[in-house]
């Protein structure tokens, strides 16, 4: 029994090596096929990486961390201070920062770079602003909206803006990116399946005479099919590795642009690449697609070939 198992594994090892050697003997055609597979796999992996990073960004700002209360223009500094003292006593508010119109004008000049244009204005058009940070329990969307409605009812409050306004847009963008990544991934993985299947179908048809001779001497369909299965595995494995390398290059090229964009928002976020488990899943999926395509395509055509 042990000898039979040894012979079985030795036969599989021999056929695996032989299928790789056959691919190496036809470098031009196989390189073109592998290049097409690599690019076909790179597109969904790049979309997945993009969706992953967008999701990470959305998780960082999952809940609104503050809201901006704009005081009615012309409100006196005494009334602004009174409003500040009233709001700071609310149990729903964790902290409160007051920005006077003069402070706002100075910050606007420094950040916007419109110092010369603003110097032409006779009066300061900016209102006083209160930066409200709710407690953790009131940072959920529903609670934050309720708190904003209550703040709008206060005397002297002109408008209240929530961080959730742009968070909702970010969530919509994230959902769009994820759905697009799923659709593109499905289409391109199906394209990989068709490429491998058609390539092996042509190999079976080109080796039709050899297959007929093998069947004449008693070879079974499973024995003849096995080298094609290993060829499909090699296509999937090499194509997956090449796609991983190309995706890593794409991530490296985008990292600089992402870092520059994050710095504009004072964020330490950087482009996140594949983890080890995600890399392993990519290789497993590509190998499985190659094996399945070989099994369905080559297996069906082998049954159609009968010895003369």
Protein backbone atom coordinates (compact mmCIF):
# COMPACT_ATOMS: atom_id res chain seq x y z
CA UNK A 1 0.00 0.00 0.00
CA UNK A 2 2.82 2.42 0.92
CA UNK A 3 4.58 1.60 -2.35
CA UNK A 4 1.41 2.33 -4.33
CA UNK A 5 1.04 5.71 -2.60
CA UNK A 6 4.69 6.51 -3.31
CA UNK A 7 4.22 5.63 -6.97
CA UNK A 8 1.01 7.69 -7.14
CA UNK A 9 2.66 10.84 -5.77
CA UNK A 10 5.77 10.24 -7.88
CA UNK A 11 3.59 10.07 -10.99
CA UNK A 12 1.82 13.32 -10.07
CA UNK A 13 5.16 15.01 -9.40
CA UNK A 14 6.49 13.84 -12.75
CA UNK A 15 3.42 15.07 -14.64
CA UNK A 16 3.52 18.41 -12.81
CA UNK A 17 7.16 18.96 -13.80
CA UNK A 18 6.49 17.76 -17.33
CA UNK A 19 3.61 20.22 -17.81
CA UNK A 20 5.87 23.09 -16.70
CA UNK A 21 8.63 21.88 -19.02
CA UNK A 22 6.14 21.78 -21.92
CA UNK A 23 5.17 25.39 -21.18
CA UNK A 24 8.83 26.44 -21.18
CA UNK A 25 9.39 24.77 -24.55
CA UNK A 26 6.73 27.07 -26.04
CA UNK A 27 7.86 30.40 -24.56
CA UNK A 28 6.36 32.87 -27.01
CA UNK A 29 2.76 31.69 -26.97
CA UNK A 30 2.77 31.02 -23.21
CA UNK A 31 4.32 34.38 -22.37
CA UNK A 32 1.58 36.14 -24.31
CA UNK A 33 -1.08 34.05 -22.57
CA UNK A 34 0.44 34.69 -19.15
CA UNK A 35 0.67 38.42 -19.88
CA UNK A 36 -3.02 38.54 -20.76
CA UNK A 37 -3.85 36.59 -17.58
CA UNK A 38 -1.69 38.89 -15.45
CA UNK A 39 -3.34 42.05 -16.77
CA UNK A 40 -6.79 40.49 -16.51
CA UNK A 41 -6.13 39.68 -12.83
CA UNK A 42 -4.46 43.03 -12.11
CA UNK A 43 -7.59 45.01 -12.92
CA UNK A 44 -9.85 43.41 -10.26
CA UNK A 45 -7.05 43.33 -7.68
CA UNK A 46 -6.37 47.03 -8.23
CA UNK A 47 -10.07 47.82 -7.85
CA UNK A 48 -10.15 45.69 -4.69
CA UNK A 49 -7.16 47.59 -3.30
CA UNK A 50 -8.83 50.90 -4.12
CA UNK A 51 -12.08 49.80 -2.46
CA UNK A 52 -10.14 48.58 0.59
CA UNK A 53 -8.41 51.93 1.07
CA UNK A 54 -11.63 53.90 0.59
CA UNK A 55 -13.28 51.68 3.21
CA UNK A 56 -10.39 52.30 5.63
CA UNK A 57 -10.74 56.05 5.11
CA UNK A 58 -14.48 55.84 5.76
CA UNK A 59 -13.90 53.86 8.97
CA UNK A 60 -11.56 56.51 10.34
CA UNK A 61 -14.34 59.11 10.08
CA UNK A 62 -17.21 56.76 10.79
CA UNK A 63 -19.10 59.20 13.06
CA UNK A 64 -19.25 63.01 13.05
CA UNK A 65 -16.68 64.31 15.54
CA UNK A 66 -17.84 67.91 15.63
CA UNK A 67 -20.42 70.37 14.39
CA UNK A 68 -20.02 74.03 13.49
CA UNK A 69 -22.49 76.57 14.89
CA UNK A 70 -22.63 79.84 12.95
CA UNK A 71 -23.86 82.79 15.02
CA UNK A 72 -26.10 85.37 13.33
CA UNK A 73 -24.08 88.24 11.81
CA UNK A 74 -24.03 91.35 13.94
CA UNK A 75 -24.46 89.47 17.23
CA UNK A 76 -22.57 91.19 20.02
CA UNK A 77 -19.57 89.60 21.67
CA UNK A 78 -21.46 89.57 24.97
CA UNK A 79 -24.28 87.52 23.47
CA UNK A 80 -21.78 85.12 21.86
CA UNK A 81 -20.10 84.61 25.25
CA UNK A 82 -23.50 84.09 26.90
CA UNK A 83 -24.40 81.50 24.25
CA UNK A 84 -21.04 79.80 24.80
CA UNK A 85 -21.62 79.64 28.56
CA UNK A 86 -25.11 78.20 28.05
CA UNK A 87 -24.08 75.50 25.60
CA UNK A 88 -21.04 74.37 27.57
CA UNK A 89 -23.44 73.32 30.37
CA UNK A 90 -25.30 70.89 28.09
CA UNK A 91 -24.56 67.25 29.02
CA UNK A 92 -24.62 66.28 25.34
CA UNK A 93 -21.61 68.51 24.59
CA UNK A 94 -18.13 67.31 25.50
CA UNK A 95 -16.20 70.46 24.55
CA UNK A 96 -16.88 73.83 22.99
CA UNK A 97 -14.54 76.26 21.22
CA UNK A 98 -15.43 79.85 20.35
CA UNK A 99 -13.93 81.61 17.32
CA UNK A 100 -14.49 85.33 17.04
CA UNK A 101 -14.96 87.04 13.66
CA UNK A 102 -11.51 88.57 14.01
CA UNK A 103 -9.89 85.18 14.68
CA UNK A 104 -11.78 83.67 11.76
CA UNK A 105 -10.58 86.43 9.44
CA UNK A 106 -6.95 85.89 10.49
CA UNK A 107 -7.20 82.11 9.96
CA UNK A 108 -8.94 82.62 6.63
CA UNK A 109 -6.14 84.87 5.42
CA UNK A 110 -3.49 82.37 6.46
CA UNK A 111 -5.16 79.30 4.96
CA UNK A 112 -6.84 80.68 1.85
CA UNK A 113 -4.11 83.05 0.69
CA UNK A 114 -6.59 85.85 -0.08
CA UNK A 115 -4.92 88.45 2.14
CA UNK A 116 -4.84 91.17 -0.53
CA UNK A 117 -8.45 90.59 -1.56
CA UNK A 118 -9.70 90.59 2.03
CA UNK A 119 -7.82 93.80 2.78
CA UNK A 120 -10.13 95.59 0.31
CA UNK A 121 -13.19 94.86 2.44
CA UNK A 122 -14.43 97.65 4.70
CA UNK A 123 -16.07 95.36 7.24
CA UNK A 124 -15.42 91.85 8.46
CA UNK A 125 -18.09 89.65 6.79
CA UNK A 126 -17.39 86.59 8.92
CA UNK A 127 -19.71 85.65 11.82
CA UNK A 128 -18.69 84.27 15.17
CA UNK A 129 -18.40 80.50 15.18
CA UNK A 130 -18.77 77.86 17.90
CA UNK A 131 -17.08 74.48 17.34
CA UNK A 132 -19.11 71.88 19.22
CA UNK A 133 -17.79 68.39 19.95
CA UNK A 134 -20.60 66.10 21.15
CA UNK A 135 -20.07 63.32 23.64
CA UNK A 136 -19.48 59.84 22.22
CA UNK A 137 -23.10 58.81 22.73
CA UNK A 138 -24.27 61.82 20.69
CA UNK A 139 -21.88 61.30 17.76
CA UNK A 140 -24.15 58.77 16.06
CA UNK A 141 -25.95 60.11 13.00
CA UNK A 142 -29.44 60.16 14.53
CA UNK A 143 -28.29 61.68 17.83
CA UNK A 144 -26.06 64.25 16.11
CA UNK A 145 -28.93 65.33 13.86
CA UNK A 146 -31.19 65.72 16.89
CA UNK A 147 -28.56 67.80 18.69
CA UNK A 148 -28.08 70.00 15.60
CA UNK A 149 -31.85 70.64 15.46
CA UNK A 150 -31.85 71.71 19.10
CA UNK A 151 -28.90 74.04 18.53
CA UNK A 152 -30.70 75.73 15.62
CA UNK A 153 -33.51 76.70 17.98
CA UNK A 154 -31.17 78.68 20.23
CA UNK A 155 -31.48 82.45 20.07
CA UNK A 156 -28.72 83.97 17.95
CA UNK A 157 -27.85 80.77 16.02
CA UNK A 158 -27.95 81.20 12.26
CA UNK A 159 -26.87 77.76 10.94
CA UNK A 160 -25.47 74.45 12.19
CA UNK A 161 -23.31 72.26 9.96
CA UNK A 162 -22.60 68.60 10.68
CA UNK A 163 -19.56 66.57 9.66
CA UNK A 164 -22.07 63.92 8.60
CA UNK A 165 -22.93 65.96 5.49
CA UNK A 166 -19.68 64.99 3.79
CA UNK A 167 -19.54 61.64 5.60
CA UNK A 168 -22.73 60.64 3.80
CA UNK A 169 -21.10 61.54 0.49
CA UNK A 170 -18.03 59.53 1.48
CA UNK A 171 -20.23 56.54 2.35
CA UNK A 172 -21.98 56.82 -1.02
CA UNK A 173 -18.60 56.94 -2.81
CA UNK A 174 -17.43 53.92 -0.82
CA UNK A 175 -20.54 51.95 -1.76
CA UNK A 176 -20.11 52.87 -5.44
CA UNK A 177 -16.44 51.83 -5.41
CA UNK A 178 -17.22 48.50 -3.72
CA UNK A 179 -20.02 47.66 -6.16
CA UNK A 180 -17.86 48.67 -9.12
CA UNK A 181 -14.99 46.55 -7.80
CA UNK A 182 -17.29 43.53 -7.45
CA UNK A 183 -18.66 43.90 -10.98
CA UNK A 184 -15.24 44.41 -12.57
CA UNK A 185 -13.78 41.54 -10.54
CA UNK A 186 -16.54 39.16 -11.62
CA UNK A 187 -16.16 40.05 -15.29
CA UNK A 188 -12.37 39.84 -15.32
CA UNK A 189 -12.25 36.57 -13.37
CA UNK A 190 -14.68 35.11 -15.88
CA UNK A 191 -12.37 36.39 -18.63
CA UNK A 192 -9.45 34.56 -16.95
CA UNK A 193 -11.54 31.40 -16.92
CA UNK A 194 -12.28 31.74 -20.64
CA UNK A 195 -8.64 32.48 -21.54
CA UNK A 196 -7.28 29.41 -19.75
CA UNK A 197 -10.09 27.21 -21.01
CA UNK A 198 -9.66 28.27 -24.64
CA UNK A 199 -5.85 27.90 -24.46
CA UNK A 200 -6.09 24.34 -23.16
CA UNK A 201 -8.85 23.49 -25.63
CA UNK A 202 -6.50 24.43 -28.47
CA UNK A 203 -3.75 22.30 -26.92
CA UNK A 204 -6.07 19.31 -26.76
CA UNK A 205 -7.06 19.76 -30.39
CA UNK A 206 -3.42 20.15 -31.49
CA UNK A 207 -2.49 16.92 -29.68
CA UNK A 208 -5.45 15.00 -30.99
CA UNK A 209 -3.33 12.33 -32.70
CA UNK A 210 -1.25 11.73 -29.56
CA UNK A 211 -4.39 11.41 -27.44
CA UNK A 212 -5.85 8.85 -29.86
CA UNK A 213 -2.68 6.76 -29.65
CA UNK A 214 -2.72 6.94 -25.84
CA UNK A 215 -6.32 5.77 -25.75
CA UNK A 216 -5.47 2.89 -28.12
CA UNK A 217 -2.88 1.58 -25.68
CA UNK A 218 -5.34 1.76 -22.77
CA UNK A 219 -4.76 5.17 -21.19
CA UNK A 220 -7.78 6.48 -19.28
CA UNK A 221 -9.28 9.94 -19.71
CA UNK A 222 -8.23 10.91 -16.17
CA UNK A 223 -4.61 9.94 -16.87
CA UNK A 224 -4.56 11.94 -20.13
CA UNK A 225 -6.35 14.89 -18.50
CA UNK A 226 -3.93 15.20 -15.57
CA UNK A 227 -1.14 17.10 -17.43
CA UNK A 228 -3.70 19.61 -18.70
CA UNK A 229 -4.93 20.14 -15.15
CA UNK A 230 -1.39 20.89 -14.01
CA UNK A 231 -0.95 23.23 -16.95
CA UNK A 232 -4.07 25.12 -15.84
CA UNK A 233 -2.67 25.29 -12.31
CA UNK A 234 0.63 26.67 -13.61
CA UNK A 235 -1.21 29.28 -15.69
CA UNK A 236 -3.20 30.37 -12.65
CA UNK A 237 -0.23 30.39 -10.28
CA UNK A 238 2.15 32.31 -12.55
CA UNK A 239 -0.58 34.70 -13.65
CA UNK A 240 -1.52 35.32 -9.99
CA UNK A 241 2.07 36.06 -8.97
CA UNK A 242 2.50 38.43 -11.93
CA UNK A 243 -0.79 40.17 -11.03
CA UNK A 244 0.37 40.56 -7.42
CA UNK A 245 3.61 42.21 -8.59
CA UNK A 246 1.75 44.55 -10.97
CA UNK A 247 -0.76 45.49 -8.27
CA UNK A 248 2.09 46.23 -5.85
CA UNK A 249 3.63 48.53 -8.49
CA UNK A 250 0.28 50.30 -8.93
CA UNK A 251 0.06 50.79 -5.15
CA UNK A 252 3.59 52.21 -5.05
CA UNK A 253 2.80 54.64 -7.86
CA UNK A 254 -0.38 55.81 -6.12
CA UNK A 255 1.19 56.06 -2.67
CA UNK A 256 2.80 59.43 -3.36
CA UNK A 257 -0.42 60.96 -4.67
CA UNK A 258 -2.41 59.53 -1.74
CA UNK A 259 0.14 60.86 0.76
CA UNK A 260 -0.01 64.34 -0.81
CA UNK A 261 -3.84 64.33 -0.67
CA UNK A 262 -3.83 63.12 2.94
CA UNK A 263 -1.38 65.86 3.95
CA UNK A 264 -3.78 68.48 2.59
CA UNK A 265 -6.33 67.22 5.13
CA UNK A 266 -3.73 66.87 7.92
CA UNK A 267 -4.18 63.11 7.89
CA UNK A 268 -1.44 60.50 8.40
CA UNK A 269 -3.21 58.05 6.08
CA UNK A 270 -1.06 56.19 3.57
CA UNK A 271 -1.86 53.71 0.81
CA UNK A 272 -2.39 50.22 2.23
CA UNK A 273 -1.35 47.24 0.08
CA UNK A 274 -2.14 43.54 0.22
CA UNK A 275 -1.72 41.65 3.47
CA UNK A 276 -0.29 38.13 3.52
CA UNK A 277 -3.69 36.47 3.77
CA UNK A 278 -5.07 38.59 0.91
CA UNK A 279 -2.04 37.66 -1.22
CA UNK A 280 -2.64 34.00 -0.46
CA UNK A 281 -6.32 34.31 -1.37
CA UNK A 282 -5.36 35.93 -4.69
CA UNK A 283 -3.08 33.01 -5.55
CA UNK A 284 -5.68 30.46 -4.44
CA UNK A 285 -8.40 32.06 -6.58
CA UNK A 286 -6.17 32.28 -9.65
CA UNK A 287 -5.01 28.64 -9.23
CA UNK A 288 -8.60 27.48 -8.72
CA UNK A 289 -9.76 29.29 -11.86
CA UNK A 290 -6.96 27.72 -13.88
CA UNK A 291 -7.75 24.25 -12.52
CA UNK A 292 -11.49 24.62 -13.07
CA UNK A 293 -11.07 25.94 -16.61
CA UNK A 294 -8.74 23.07 -17.46
CA UNK A 295 -11.09 20.51 -15.97
CA UNK A 296 -14.18 21.73 -17.81
CA UNK A 297 -12.63 22.64 -21.16
CA UNK A 298 -9.96 19.98 -21.66
CA UNK A 299 -12.07 17.30 -19.98
CA UNK A 300 -15.02 17.85 -22.31
CA UNK A 301 -12.88 17.76 -25.47
CA UNK A 302 -10.99 14.66 -24.32
CA UNK A 303 -14.26 12.73 -24.15
CA UNK A 304 -15.00 13.70 -27.74
CA UNK A 305 -11.71 12.22 -29.01
CA UNK A 306 -11.97 8.49 -29.69
CA UNK A 307 -9.32 6.15 -31.13
CA UNK A 308 -9.75 5.33 -34.80
